[in-house]
C-alpha atoms as a PDB file:
ATOM      1  CA  MET A   1      24.383 -27.074  -9.012  1.00  0.00           C
ATOM      2  CA  ALA A   2      22.154 -28.610  -6.359  1.00  0.00           C
ATOM      3  CA  GLU A   3      19.067 -26.784  -5.195  1.00  0.00           C
ATOM      4  CA  HIS A   4      19.358 -25.351  -1.703  1.00  0.00           C
ATOM      5  CA  THR A   5      17.179 -27.528   0.503  1.00  0.00           C
ATOM      6  CA  LEU A   6      15.222 -26.677   3.592  1.00  0.00           C
ATOM      7  CA  GLU A   7      17.434 -29.047   5.556  1.00  0.00           C
ATOM      8  CA  SER A   8      20.430 -26.852   4.814  1.00  0.00           C
ATOM      9  CA  LEU A   9      18.465 -23.679   5.521  1.00  0.00           C
ATOM     10  CA  ALA A  10      17.705 -24.975   8.999  1.00  0.00           C
ATOM     11  CA  ASP A  11      21.421 -24.975   9.778  1.00  0.00           C
ATOM     12  CA  LEU A  12      21.921 -21.298   8.958  1.00  0.00           C
ATOM     13  CA  PRO A  13      22.088 -18.503  11.543  1.00  0.00           C
ATOM     14  CA  ARG A  14      18.645 -16.940  11.540  1.00  0.00           C
ATOM     15  CA  ALA A  15      16.530 -14.411  13.408  1.00  0.00           C
ATOM     16  CA  THR A  16      15.452 -16.262  16.544  1.00  0.00           C
ATOM     17  CA  LYS A  17      13.161 -13.723  18.190  1.00  0.00           C
ATOM     18  CA  ARG A  18       9.490 -14.634  18.160  1.00  0.00           C
ATOM     19  CA  ASP A  19       8.350 -11.226  16.954  1.00  0.00           C
ATOM     20  CA  LEU A  20       5.548 -12.529  14.729  1.00  0.00           C
ATOM     21  CA  VAL A  21       3.604 -14.574  17.285  1.00  0.00           C
ATOM     22  CA  ASP A  22      -0.169 -14.386  16.587  1.00  0.00           C
ATOM     23  CA  LYS A  23       0.447 -12.671  13.253  1.00  0.00           C
ATOM     24  CA  VAL A  24      -0.622 -14.167   9.941  1.00  0.00           C
ATOM     25  CA  ALA A  25       1.184 -14.353   6.605  1.00  0.00           C
ATOM     26  CA  ILE A  26      -0.178 -15.264   3.187  1.00  0.00           C
ATOM     27  CA  ILE A  27       2.456 -16.615   0.791  1.00  0.00           C
ATOM     28  CA  THR A  28       1.475 -17.417  -2.771  1.00  0.00           C
ATOM     29  CA  GLY A  29       3.385 -20.131  -4.579  1.00  0.00           C
ATOM     30  CA  SER A  30       4.649 -21.679  -1.363  1.00  0.00           C
ATOM     31  CA  ALA A  31       4.826 -25.380  -2.227  1.00  0.00           C
ATOM     32  CA  ARG A  32       8.566 -25.311  -2.929  1.00  0.00           C
ATOM     33  CA  ASN A  33      11.701 -23.215  -3.441  1.00  0.00           C
ATOM     34  CA  MET A  34      11.652 -19.650  -2.078  1.00  0.00           C
ATOM     35  CA  GLY A  35       7.980 -19.758  -1.091  1.00  0.00           C
ATOM     36  CA  ARG A  36       8.608 -22.737   1.149  1.00  0.00           C
ATOM     37  CA  ALA A  37      11.670 -21.102   2.681  1.00  0.00           C
ATOM     38  CA  PHE A  38       9.728 -17.899   3.386  1.00  0.00           C
ATOM     39  CA  ALA A  39       7.021 -19.926   5.130  1.00  0.00           C
ATOM     40  CA  GLU A  40       9.611 -21.672   7.263  1.00  0.00           C
ATOM     41  CA  ALA A  41      11.311 -18.386   8.116  1.00  0.00           C
ATOM     42  CA  LEU A  42       8.160 -16.543   9.147  1.00  0.00           C
ATOM     43  CA  SER A  43       6.758 -19.466  11.127  1.00  0.00           C
ATOM     44  CA  ALA A  44      10.086 -19.745  12.988  1.00  0.00           C
ATOM     45  CA  ARG A  45       9.348 -16.225  14.202  1.00  0.00           C
ATOM     46  CA  GLY A  46       5.858 -17.268  15.296  1.00  0.00           C
ATOM     47  CA  ALA A  47       3.647 -16.391  12.327  1.00  0.00           C
ATOM     48  CA  ASN A  48       0.772 -18.574  11.237  1.00  0.00           C
ATOM     49  CA  VAL A  49       0.954 -19.087   7.484  1.00  0.00           C
ATOM     50  CA  VAL A  50      -1.556 -19.425   4.663  1.00  0.00           C
ATOM     51  CA  LEU A  51       0.119 -21.574   2.013  1.00  0.00           C
ATOM     52  CA  HIS A  52      -1.082 -21.230  -1.557  1.00  0.00           C
ATOM     53  CA  HIS A  53      -0.282 -23.643  -4.369  1.00  0.00           C
ATOM     54  CA  HIS A  54      -1.628 -23.794  -7.898  1.00  0.00           C
ATOM     55  CA  THR A  55      -2.989 -27.314  -8.457  1.00  0.00           C
ATOM     56  CA  SER A  56      -3.345 -30.718  -6.841  1.00  0.00           C
ATOM     57  CA  SER A  57      -0.125 -31.831  -8.562  1.00  0.00           C
ATOM     58  CA  SER A  58       1.846 -29.974  -5.883  1.00  0.00           C
ATOM     59  CA  SER A  59      -0.234 -31.243  -2.943  1.00  0.00           C
ATOM     60  CA  GLY A  60       2.569 -33.388  -1.539  1.00  0.00           C
ATOM     61  CA  GLU A  61       5.038 -30.520  -1.670  1.00  0.00           C
ATOM     62  CA  VAL A  62       2.750 -27.984  -0.030  1.00  0.00           C
ATOM     63  CA  GLU A  63       1.926 -30.484   2.703  1.00  0.00           C
ATOM     64  CA  GLU A  64       5.669 -30.777   3.375  1.00  0.00           C
ATOM     65  CA  THR A  65       5.793 -26.978   3.658  1.00  0.00           C
ATOM     66  CA  ALA A  66       2.884 -27.113   6.100  1.00  0.00           C
ATOM     67  CA  ASN A  67       4.731 -29.706   8.176  1.00  0.00           C
ATOM     68  CA  ARG A  68       7.689 -27.339   8.407  1.00  0.00           C
ATOM     69  CA  VAL A  69       5.380 -24.605   9.671  1.00  0.00           C
ATOM     70  CA  LEU A  70       3.840 -26.935  12.253  1.00  0.00           C
ATOM     71  CA  GLU A  71       7.279 -28.040  13.446  1.00  0.00           C
ATOM     72  CA  ASN A  72       7.988 -24.376  14.204  1.00  0.00           C
ATOM     73  CA  GLY A  73       4.961 -24.252  16.507  1.00  0.00           C
ATOM     74  CA  ALA A  74       2.756 -22.257  14.146  1.00  0.00           C
ATOM     75  CA  SER A  75      -0.445 -23.079  12.269  1.00  0.00           C
ATOM     76  CA  ALA A  76      -0.844 -23.549   8.537  1.00  0.00           C
ATOM     77  CA  LEU A  77      -3.777 -23.270   6.154  1.00  0.00           C
ATOM     78  CA  ILE A  78      -3.393 -24.746   2.659  1.00  0.00           C
ATOM     79  CA  MET A  79      -5.245 -23.121  -0.241  1.00  0.00           C
ATOM     80  CA  THR A  80      -5.326 -24.195  -3.880  1.00  0.00           C
ATOM     81  CA  GLY A  81      -6.265 -22.019  -6.821  1.00  0.00           C
ATOM     82  CA  ASP A  82      -5.436 -20.290 -10.085  1.00  0.00           C
ATOM     83  CA  LEU A  83      -4.506 -16.775  -9.018  1.00  0.00           C
ATOM     84  CA  ALA A  84      -5.140 -15.454 -12.527  1.00  0.00           C
ATOM     85  CA  ASP A  85      -8.795 -15.662 -11.437  1.00  0.00           C
ATOM     86  CA  PRO A  86      -9.488 -12.774  -9.010  1.00  0.00           C
ATOM     87  CA  ALA A  87     -12.220 -14.870  -7.385  1.00  0.00           C
ATOM     88  CA  ALA A  88      -9.600 -17.415  -6.333  1.00  0.00           C
ATOM     89  CA  VAL A  89      -7.495 -14.652  -4.806  1.00  0.00           C
ATOM     90  CA  LYS A  90     -10.476 -13.314  -2.882  1.00  0.00           C
ATOM     91  CA  LYS A  91     -11.246 -16.806  -1.586  1.00  0.00           C
ATOM     92  CA  ILE A  92      -7.741 -17.121  -0.107  1.00  0.00           C
ATOM     93  CA  PHE A  93      -8.064 -13.873   1.818  1.00  0.00           C
ATOM     94  CA  GLU A  94     -11.552 -14.710   3.033  1.00  0.00           C
ATOM     95  CA  ALA A  95     -10.392 -18.115   4.260  1.00  0.00           C
ATOM     96  CA  ALA A  96      -7.419 -16.539   6.039  1.00  0.00           C
ATOM     97  CA  LYS A  97      -9.659 -14.050   7.834  1.00  0.00           C
ATOM     98  CA  GLU A  98     -12.145 -16.770   8.740  1.00  0.00           C
ATOM     99  CA  LYS A  99      -9.504 -19.074  10.223  1.00  0.00           C
ATOM    100  CA  PHE A 100      -7.095 -16.615  11.799  1.00  0.00           C
ATOM    101  CA  GLY A 101      -9.045 -13.375  12.098  1.00  0.00           C
ATOM    102  CA  ARG A 102      -6.315 -11.171  10.645  1.00  0.00           C
ATOM    103  CA  ILE A 103      -3.679 -10.775   7.917  1.00  0.00           C
ATOM    104  CA  ASP A 104      -0.351  -9.056   8.625  1.00  0.00           C
ATOM    105  CA  ILE A 105       2.040 -10.104   5.851  1.00  0.00           C
ATOM    106  CA  VAL A 106       1.439 -10.858   2.179  1.00  0.00           C
ATOM    107  CA  ILE A 107       4.204 -12.200  -0.061  1.00  0.00           C
ATOM    108  CA  ASN A 108       3.397 -12.263  -3.775  1.00  0.00           C
ATOM    109  CA  ASN A 109       5.707 -15.141  -4.660  1.00  0.00           C
ATOM    110  CA  ALA A 110       3.780 -17.100  -7.300  1.00  0.00           C
ATOM    111  CA  GLY A 111       5.270 -16.712 -10.747  1.00  0.00           C
ATOM    112  CA  VAL A 112       5.917 -18.324 -14.091  1.00  0.00           C
ATOM    113  CA  VAL A 113       9.026 -18.056 -16.259  1.00  0.00           C
ATOM    114  CA  ILE A 114       9.016 -18.371 -20.041  1.00  0.00           C
ATOM    115  CA  LYS A 115      12.331 -18.176 -21.891  1.00  0.00           C
ATOM    116  CA  LYS A 116      12.130 -17.661 -25.632  1.00  0.00           C
ATOM    117  CA  PRO A 117      12.699 -14.933 -28.203  1.00  0.00           C
ATOM    118  CA  ILE A 118       9.942 -12.349 -28.492  1.00  0.00           C
ATOM    119  CA  SER A 119       9.476 -13.445 -32.117  1.00  0.00           C
ATOM    120  CA  GLU A 120       8.377 -16.869 -30.834  1.00  0.00           C
ATOM    121  CA  VAL A 121       6.101 -15.812 -27.968  1.00  0.00           C
ATOM    122  CA  THR A 122       2.543 -17.015 -28.565  1.00  0.00           C
ATOM    123  CA  GLU A 123      -0.656 -15.418 -27.375  1.00  0.00           C
ATOM    124  CA  GLU A 124      -0.982 -18.320 -24.947  1.00  0.00           C
ATOM    125  CA  ASP A 125       2.507 -17.573 -23.590  1.00  0.00           C
ATOM    126  CA  PHE A 126       1.627 -13.896 -23.214  1.00  0.00           C
ATOM    127  CA  ASP A 127      -1.630 -14.562 -21.391  1.00  0.00           C
ATOM    128  CA  ARG A 128       0.002 -17.137 -19.097  1.00  0.00           C
ATOM    129  CA  ALA A 129       2.918 -14.868 -18.172  1.00  0.00           C
ATOM    130  CA  PHE A 130       0.846 -11.760 -17.569  1.00  0.00           C
ATOM    131  CA  GLY A 131      -1.931 -13.755 -15.923  1.00  0.00           C
ATOM    132  CA  ILE A 132       0.324 -14.949 -13.113  1.00  0.00           C
ATOM    133  CA  ASN A 133       3.149 -12.422 -12.937  1.00  0.00           C
ATOM    134  CA  ALA A 134       1.048  -9.265 -13.336  1.00  0.00           C
ATOM    135  CA  LYS A 135      -2.702  -9.885 -13.039  1.00  0.00           C
ATOM    136  CA  ALA A 136      -2.528 -12.325 -10.130  1.00  0.00           C
ATOM    137  CA  ALA A 137      -0.034 -10.118  -8.325  1.00  0.00           C
ATOM    138  CA  PHE A 138      -2.244  -7.053  -8.831  1.00  0.00           C
ATOM    139  CA  PHE A 139      -5.375  -8.648  -7.431  1.00  0.00           C
ATOM    140  CA  THR A 140      -3.431 -10.161  -4.547  1.00  0.00           C
ATOM    141  CA  MET A 141      -2.208  -6.650  -3.730  1.00  0.00           C
ATOM    142  CA  GLN A 142      -5.755  -5.354  -4.034  1.00  0.00           C
ATOM    143  CA  GLU A 143      -7.066  -7.872  -1.500  1.00  0.00           C
ATOM    144  CA  ALA A 144      -4.087  -7.155   0.737  1.00  0.00           C
ATOM    145  CA  ALA A 145      -4.928  -3.448   0.668  1.00  0.00           C
ATOM    146  CA  LYS A 146      -8.464  -4.249   1.820  1.00  0.00           C
ATOM    147  CA  HIS A 147      -7.615  -6.705   4.574  1.00  0.00           C
ATOM    148  CA  ILE A 148      -4.078  -6.200   5.877  1.00  0.00           C
ATOM    149  CA  GLU A 149      -3.661  -4.941   9.427  1.00  0.00           C
ATOM    150  CA  ASP A 150      -2.070  -1.587  10.206  1.00  0.00           C
ATOM    151  CA  SER A 151       1.748  -1.806  10.109  1.00  0.00           C
ATOM    152  CA  GLY A 152       1.456  -4.775   7.776  1.00  0.00           C
ATOM    153  CA  ARG A 153       3.994  -5.844   5.168  1.00  0.00           C
ATOM    154  CA  ILE A 154       3.445  -6.532   1.463  1.00  0.00           C
ATOM    155  CA  ILE A 155       6.344  -7.977  -0.560  1.00  0.00           C
ATOM    156  CA  ASN A 156       6.195  -8.556  -4.306  1.00  0.00           C
ATOM    157  CA  MET A 157       8.787 -10.905  -5.756  1.00  0.00           C
ATOM    158  CA  GLY A 158      10.219  -9.394  -8.922  1.00  0.00           C
ATOM    159  CA  THR A 159      13.429 -10.096 -10.821  1.00  0.00           C
ATOM    160  CA  THR A 160      16.813  -8.483 -11.360  1.00  0.00           C
ATOM    161  CA  LEU A 161      15.966  -8.616 -15.078  1.00  0.00           C
ATOM    162  CA  LEU A 162      13.843  -5.514 -14.428  1.00  0.00           C
ATOM    163  CA  GLY A 163      17.123  -3.628 -14.706  1.00  0.00           C
ATOM    164  CA  ALA A 164      18.881  -5.689 -17.368  1.00  0.00           C
ATOM    165  CA  THR A 165      19.106  -5.531 -21.140  1.00  0.00           C
ATOM    166  CA  THR A 166      18.869  -9.157 -22.132  1.00  0.00           C
ATOM    167  CA  GLY A 167      17.339 -11.347 -24.775  1.00  0.00           C
ATOM    168  CA  MET A 168      15.125 -14.421 -24.396  1.00  0.00           C
ATOM    169  CA  TYR A 169      13.467 -13.177 -21.194  1.00  0.00           C
ATOM    170  CA  GLY A 170      11.369 -10.361 -22.646  1.00  0.00           C
ATOM    171  CA  ILE A 171       8.003 -11.899 -21.807  1.00  0.00           C
ATOM    172  CA  TYR A 172       9.142 -12.832 -18.285  1.00  0.00           C
ATOM    173  CA  ALA A 173      10.714  -9.504 -17.395  1.00  0.00           C
ATOM    174  CA  GLY A 174       7.943  -7.612 -19.179  1.00  0.00           C
ATOM    175  CA  SER A 175       5.238  -9.357 -17.184  1.00  0.00           C
ATOM    176  CA  LYS A 176       7.099  -8.654 -13.940  1.00  0.00           C
ATOM    177  CA  ALA A 177       7.708  -4.983 -14.793  1.00  0.00           C
ATOM    178  CA  PRO A 178       4.220  -3.759 -13.714  1.00  0.00           C
ATOM    179  CA  LEU A 179       5.004  -4.816 -10.142  1.00  0.00           C
ATOM    180  CA  GLU A 180       7.161  -1.730  -9.669  1.00  0.00           C
ATOM    181  CA  ASP A 181       4.365   0.698 -10.532  1.00  0.00           C
ATOM    182  CA  PHE A 182       1.769  -1.288  -8.597  1.00  0.00           C
ATOM    183  CA  THR A 183       4.095  -1.283  -5.597  1.00  0.00           C
ATOM    184  CA  ARG A 184       4.830   2.442  -5.645  1.00  0.00           C
ATOM    185  CA  ALA A 185       1.165   3.323  -6.022  1.00  0.00           C
ATOM    186  CA  LEU A 186      -0.057   1.025  -3.259  1.00  0.00           C
ATOM    187  CA  ALA A 187       2.718   2.133  -0.909  1.00  0.00           C
ATOM    188  CA  LYS A 188       1.455   5.699  -1.292  1.00  0.00           C
ATOM    189  CA  GLU A 189      -2.197   4.777  -0.984  1.00  0.00           C
ATOM    190  CA  ILE A 190      -1.978   2.811   2.289  1.00  0.00           C
ATOM    191  CA  GLY A 191       1.312   4.015   3.754  1.00  0.00           C
ATOM    192  CA  SER A 192      -0.465   6.245   6.288  1.00  0.00           C
ATOM    193  CA  ARG A 193      -1.531   3.045   8.033  1.00  0.00           C
ATOM    194  CA  GLY A 194       2.092   2.029   8.547  1.00  0.00           C
ATOM    195  CA  VAL A 195       1.885  -0.627   5.828  1.00  0.00           C
ATOM    196  CA  THR A 196       5.016  -1.020   3.713  1.00  0.00           C
ATOM    197  CA  VAL A 197       5.006  -2.309   0.129  1.00  0.00           C
ATOM    198  CA  ASN A 198       8.206  -3.340  -1.642  1.00  0.00           C
ATOM    199  CA  VAL A 199       9.547  -5.350  -4.557  1.00  0.00           C
ATOM    200  CA  VAL A 200      12.355  -7.834  -3.924  1.00  0.00           C
ATOM    201  CA  ALA A 201      14.213  -8.466  -7.189  1.00  0.00           C
ATOM    202  CA  PRO A 202      16.524 -11.506  -6.981  1.00  0.00           C
ATOM    203  CA  GLY A 203      19.118 -12.427  -9.530  1.00  0.00           C
ATOM    204  CA  PRO A 204      19.498 -16.029 -10.755  1.00  0.00           C
ATOM    205  CA  ILE A 205      18.756 -18.345  -7.813  1.00  0.00           C
ATOM    206  CA  SER A 206      19.638 -22.025  -7.837  1.00  0.00           C
ATOM    207  CA  THR A 207      16.152 -23.545  -7.724  1.00  0.00           C
ATOM    208  CA  SER A 208      14.060 -25.772  -9.955  1.00  0.00           C
ATOM    209  CA  PHE A 209      12.331 -22.571 -11.126  1.00  0.00           C
ATOM    210  CA  PHE A 210      15.662 -21.378 -12.567  1.00  0.00           C
ATOM    211  CA  HIS A 211      17.154 -24.637 -13.786  1.00  0.00           C
ATOM    212  CA  GLY A 212      14.012 -25.684 -15.661  1.00  0.00           C
ATOM    213  CA  GLN A 213      14.899 -23.592 -18.706  1.00  0.00           C
ATOM    214  CA  GLU A 214      18.673 -23.205 -18.460  1.00  0.00           C
ATOM    215  CA  THR A 215      21.514 -25.181 -20.007  1.00  0.00           C
ATOM    216  CA  GLU A 216      24.913 -25.955 -18.517  1.00  0.00           C
ATOM    217  CA  GLN A 217      26.384 -23.161 -20.623  1.00  0.00           C
ATOM    218  CA  SER A 218      23.803 -20.518 -19.685  1.00  0.00           C
ATOM    219  CA  THR A 219      24.052 -21.469 -16.023  1.00  0.00           C
ATOM    220  CA  ALA A 220      27.836 -21.008 -16.134  1.00  0.00           C
ATOM    221  CA  TYR A 221      27.443 -17.646 -17.872  1.00  0.00           C
ATOM    222  CA  LEU A 222      24.878 -16.352 -15.367  1.00  0.00           C
ATOM    223  CA  SER A 223      26.948 -17.649 -12.447  1.00  0.00           C
ATOM    224  CA  ASN A 224      29.965 -15.704 -13.646  1.00  0.00           C
ATOM    225  CA  MET A 225      27.938 -12.488 -13.705  1.00  0.00           C
ATOM    226  CA  SER A 226      28.049 -12.308  -9.902  1.00  0.00           C
ATOM    227  CA  VAL A 227      31.097 -10.994  -8.062  1.00  0.00           C
ATOM    228  CA  THR A 228      31.869 -14.417  -6.600  1.00  0.00           C
ATOM    229  CA  GLY A 229      31.076 -16.458  -9.711  1.00  0.00           C
ATOM    230  CA  ARG A 230      28.093 -18.364  -8.380  1.00  0.00           C
ATOM    231  CA  LEU A 231      24.325 -18.447  -8.554  1.00  0.00           C
ATOM    232  CA  GLY A 232      22.364 -17.103  -5.655  1.00  0.00           C
ATOM    233  CA  GLU A 233      20.923 -19.494  -3.096  1.00  0.00           C
ATOM    234  CA  ILE A 234      17.583 -19.394  -1.335  1.00  0.00           C
ATOM    235  CA  SER A 235      19.514 -18.719   1.865  1.00  0.00           C
ATOM    236  CA  ASP A 236      20.769 -15.454   0.330  1.00  0.00           C
ATOM    237  CA  ILE A 237      17.199 -14.163  -0.041  1.00  0.00           C
ATOM    238  CA  VAL A 238      15.586 -15.243   3.228  1.00  0.00           C
ATOM    239  CA  PRO A 239      17.405 -12.701   5.458  1.00  0.00           C
ATOM    240  CA  LEU A 240      16.055  -9.840   3.338  1.00  0.00           C
ATOM    241  CA  ILE A 241      12.523 -11.194   3.742  1.00  0.00           C
ATOM    242  CA  ASP A 242      13.128 -11.484   7.484  1.00  0.00           C
ATOM    243  CA  PHE A 243      14.163  -7.835   7.565  1.00  0.00           C
ATOM    244  CA  LEU A 244      11.340  -6.481   5.404  1.00  0.00           C
ATOM    245  CA  THR A 245       8.733  -8.263   7.514  1.00  0.00           C
ATOM    246  CA  SER A 246      10.162  -6.851  10.742  1.00  0.00           C
ATOM    247  CA  GLU A 247       9.445  -3.643  12.611  1.00  0.00           C
ATOM    248  CA  ASP A 248      12.969  -2.511  11.719  1.00  0.00           C
ATOM    249  CA  ALA A 249      11.839  -2.101   8.090  1.00  0.00           C
ATOM    250  CA  ARG A 250       9.104   0.425   8.885  1.00  0.00           C
ATOM    251  CA  TRP A 251      10.859   3.191   6.860  1.00  0.00           C
ATOM    252  CA  VAL A 252      11.524   1.020   3.808  1.00  0.00           C
ATOM    253  CA  THR A 253       8.629   1.253   1.363  1.00  0.00           C
ATOM    254  CA  ALA A 254       7.882   1.771  -2.350  1.00  0.00           C
ATOM    255  CA  GLN A 255      11.306   0.337  -3.177  1.00  0.00           C
ATOM    256  CA  THR A 256      12.640  -2.224  -5.621  1.00  0.00           C
ATOM    257  CA  ILE A 257      15.473  -3.966  -3.798  1.00  0.00           C
ATOM    258  CA  PHE A 258      17.939  -5.815  -6.040  1.00  0.00           C
ATOM    259  CA  ILE A 259      19.645  -8.796  -4.413  1.00  0.00           C
ATOM    260  CA  ASN A 260      21.928 -10.555  -6.839  1.00  0.00           C
ATOM    261  CA  GLY A 261      25.551 -10.737  -5.687  1.00  0.00           C
ATOM    262  CA  GLY A 262      26.608  -7.883  -7.963  1.00  0.00           C
ATOM    263  CA  PHE A 263      25.011  -9.436 -11.059  1.00  0.00           C
ATOM    264  CA  LEU A 264      23.469  -6.032 -11.810  1.00  0.00           C
ATOM    265  CA  ALA A 265      23.132  -2.696 -10.042  1.00  0.00           C
ATOM    266  CA  ARG A 266      20.621   0.058 -10.650  1.00  0.00           C
END
């Protein structure tokens, strides 16, 4: 199944109000896939966007994301770094404050997926998964707590596998699981400032992130788990991000929101 492209996203009905003008969003892992789409969506509403990517190998892709932001009349700042290093996380927030003077939205989107039986997971696999999916997310949330404006929005990208009993994904789901506790705690700690903190937990989404470790057979199986027999698309997730970053979502916090076409309910 083809990956949902930004060209097709541009044709979808979307929130058109410019309610994020002069606000600033940090999106980790925004060179491609959902991160890129989130950047496009928020900049279409007027937000300036700090775009993080991991290494120089994705420079061309993140520059394309930045071009999308600029085409929407917003500004973009590109940052590179290994988020498993808290110093790199801190540098991103400092650069955002220096350039834009404020931070209003933080989307913890960077992640790594490892699919293998627990009996085959190496120490290197463990450290890599937890380094990005848990440690990097934690320290990004920590910096967000220090710098985000009142009534800000923090969104942590989890996975529907948080609620599933499944093999082969133990190290992936396990390294994403701490996000729920981090989210609930931070929502309580800074909620008096009007800041909301939530986990968005997508099911299988047709992106290169998903297809990189799946076979034709596993893709068919996972597709059939939804009520309409298909994988999710990036365009299925973007409207939820639009909502959670809006004023309308002010009463939604400390939640894990599953969005998976009926793949799993909890």
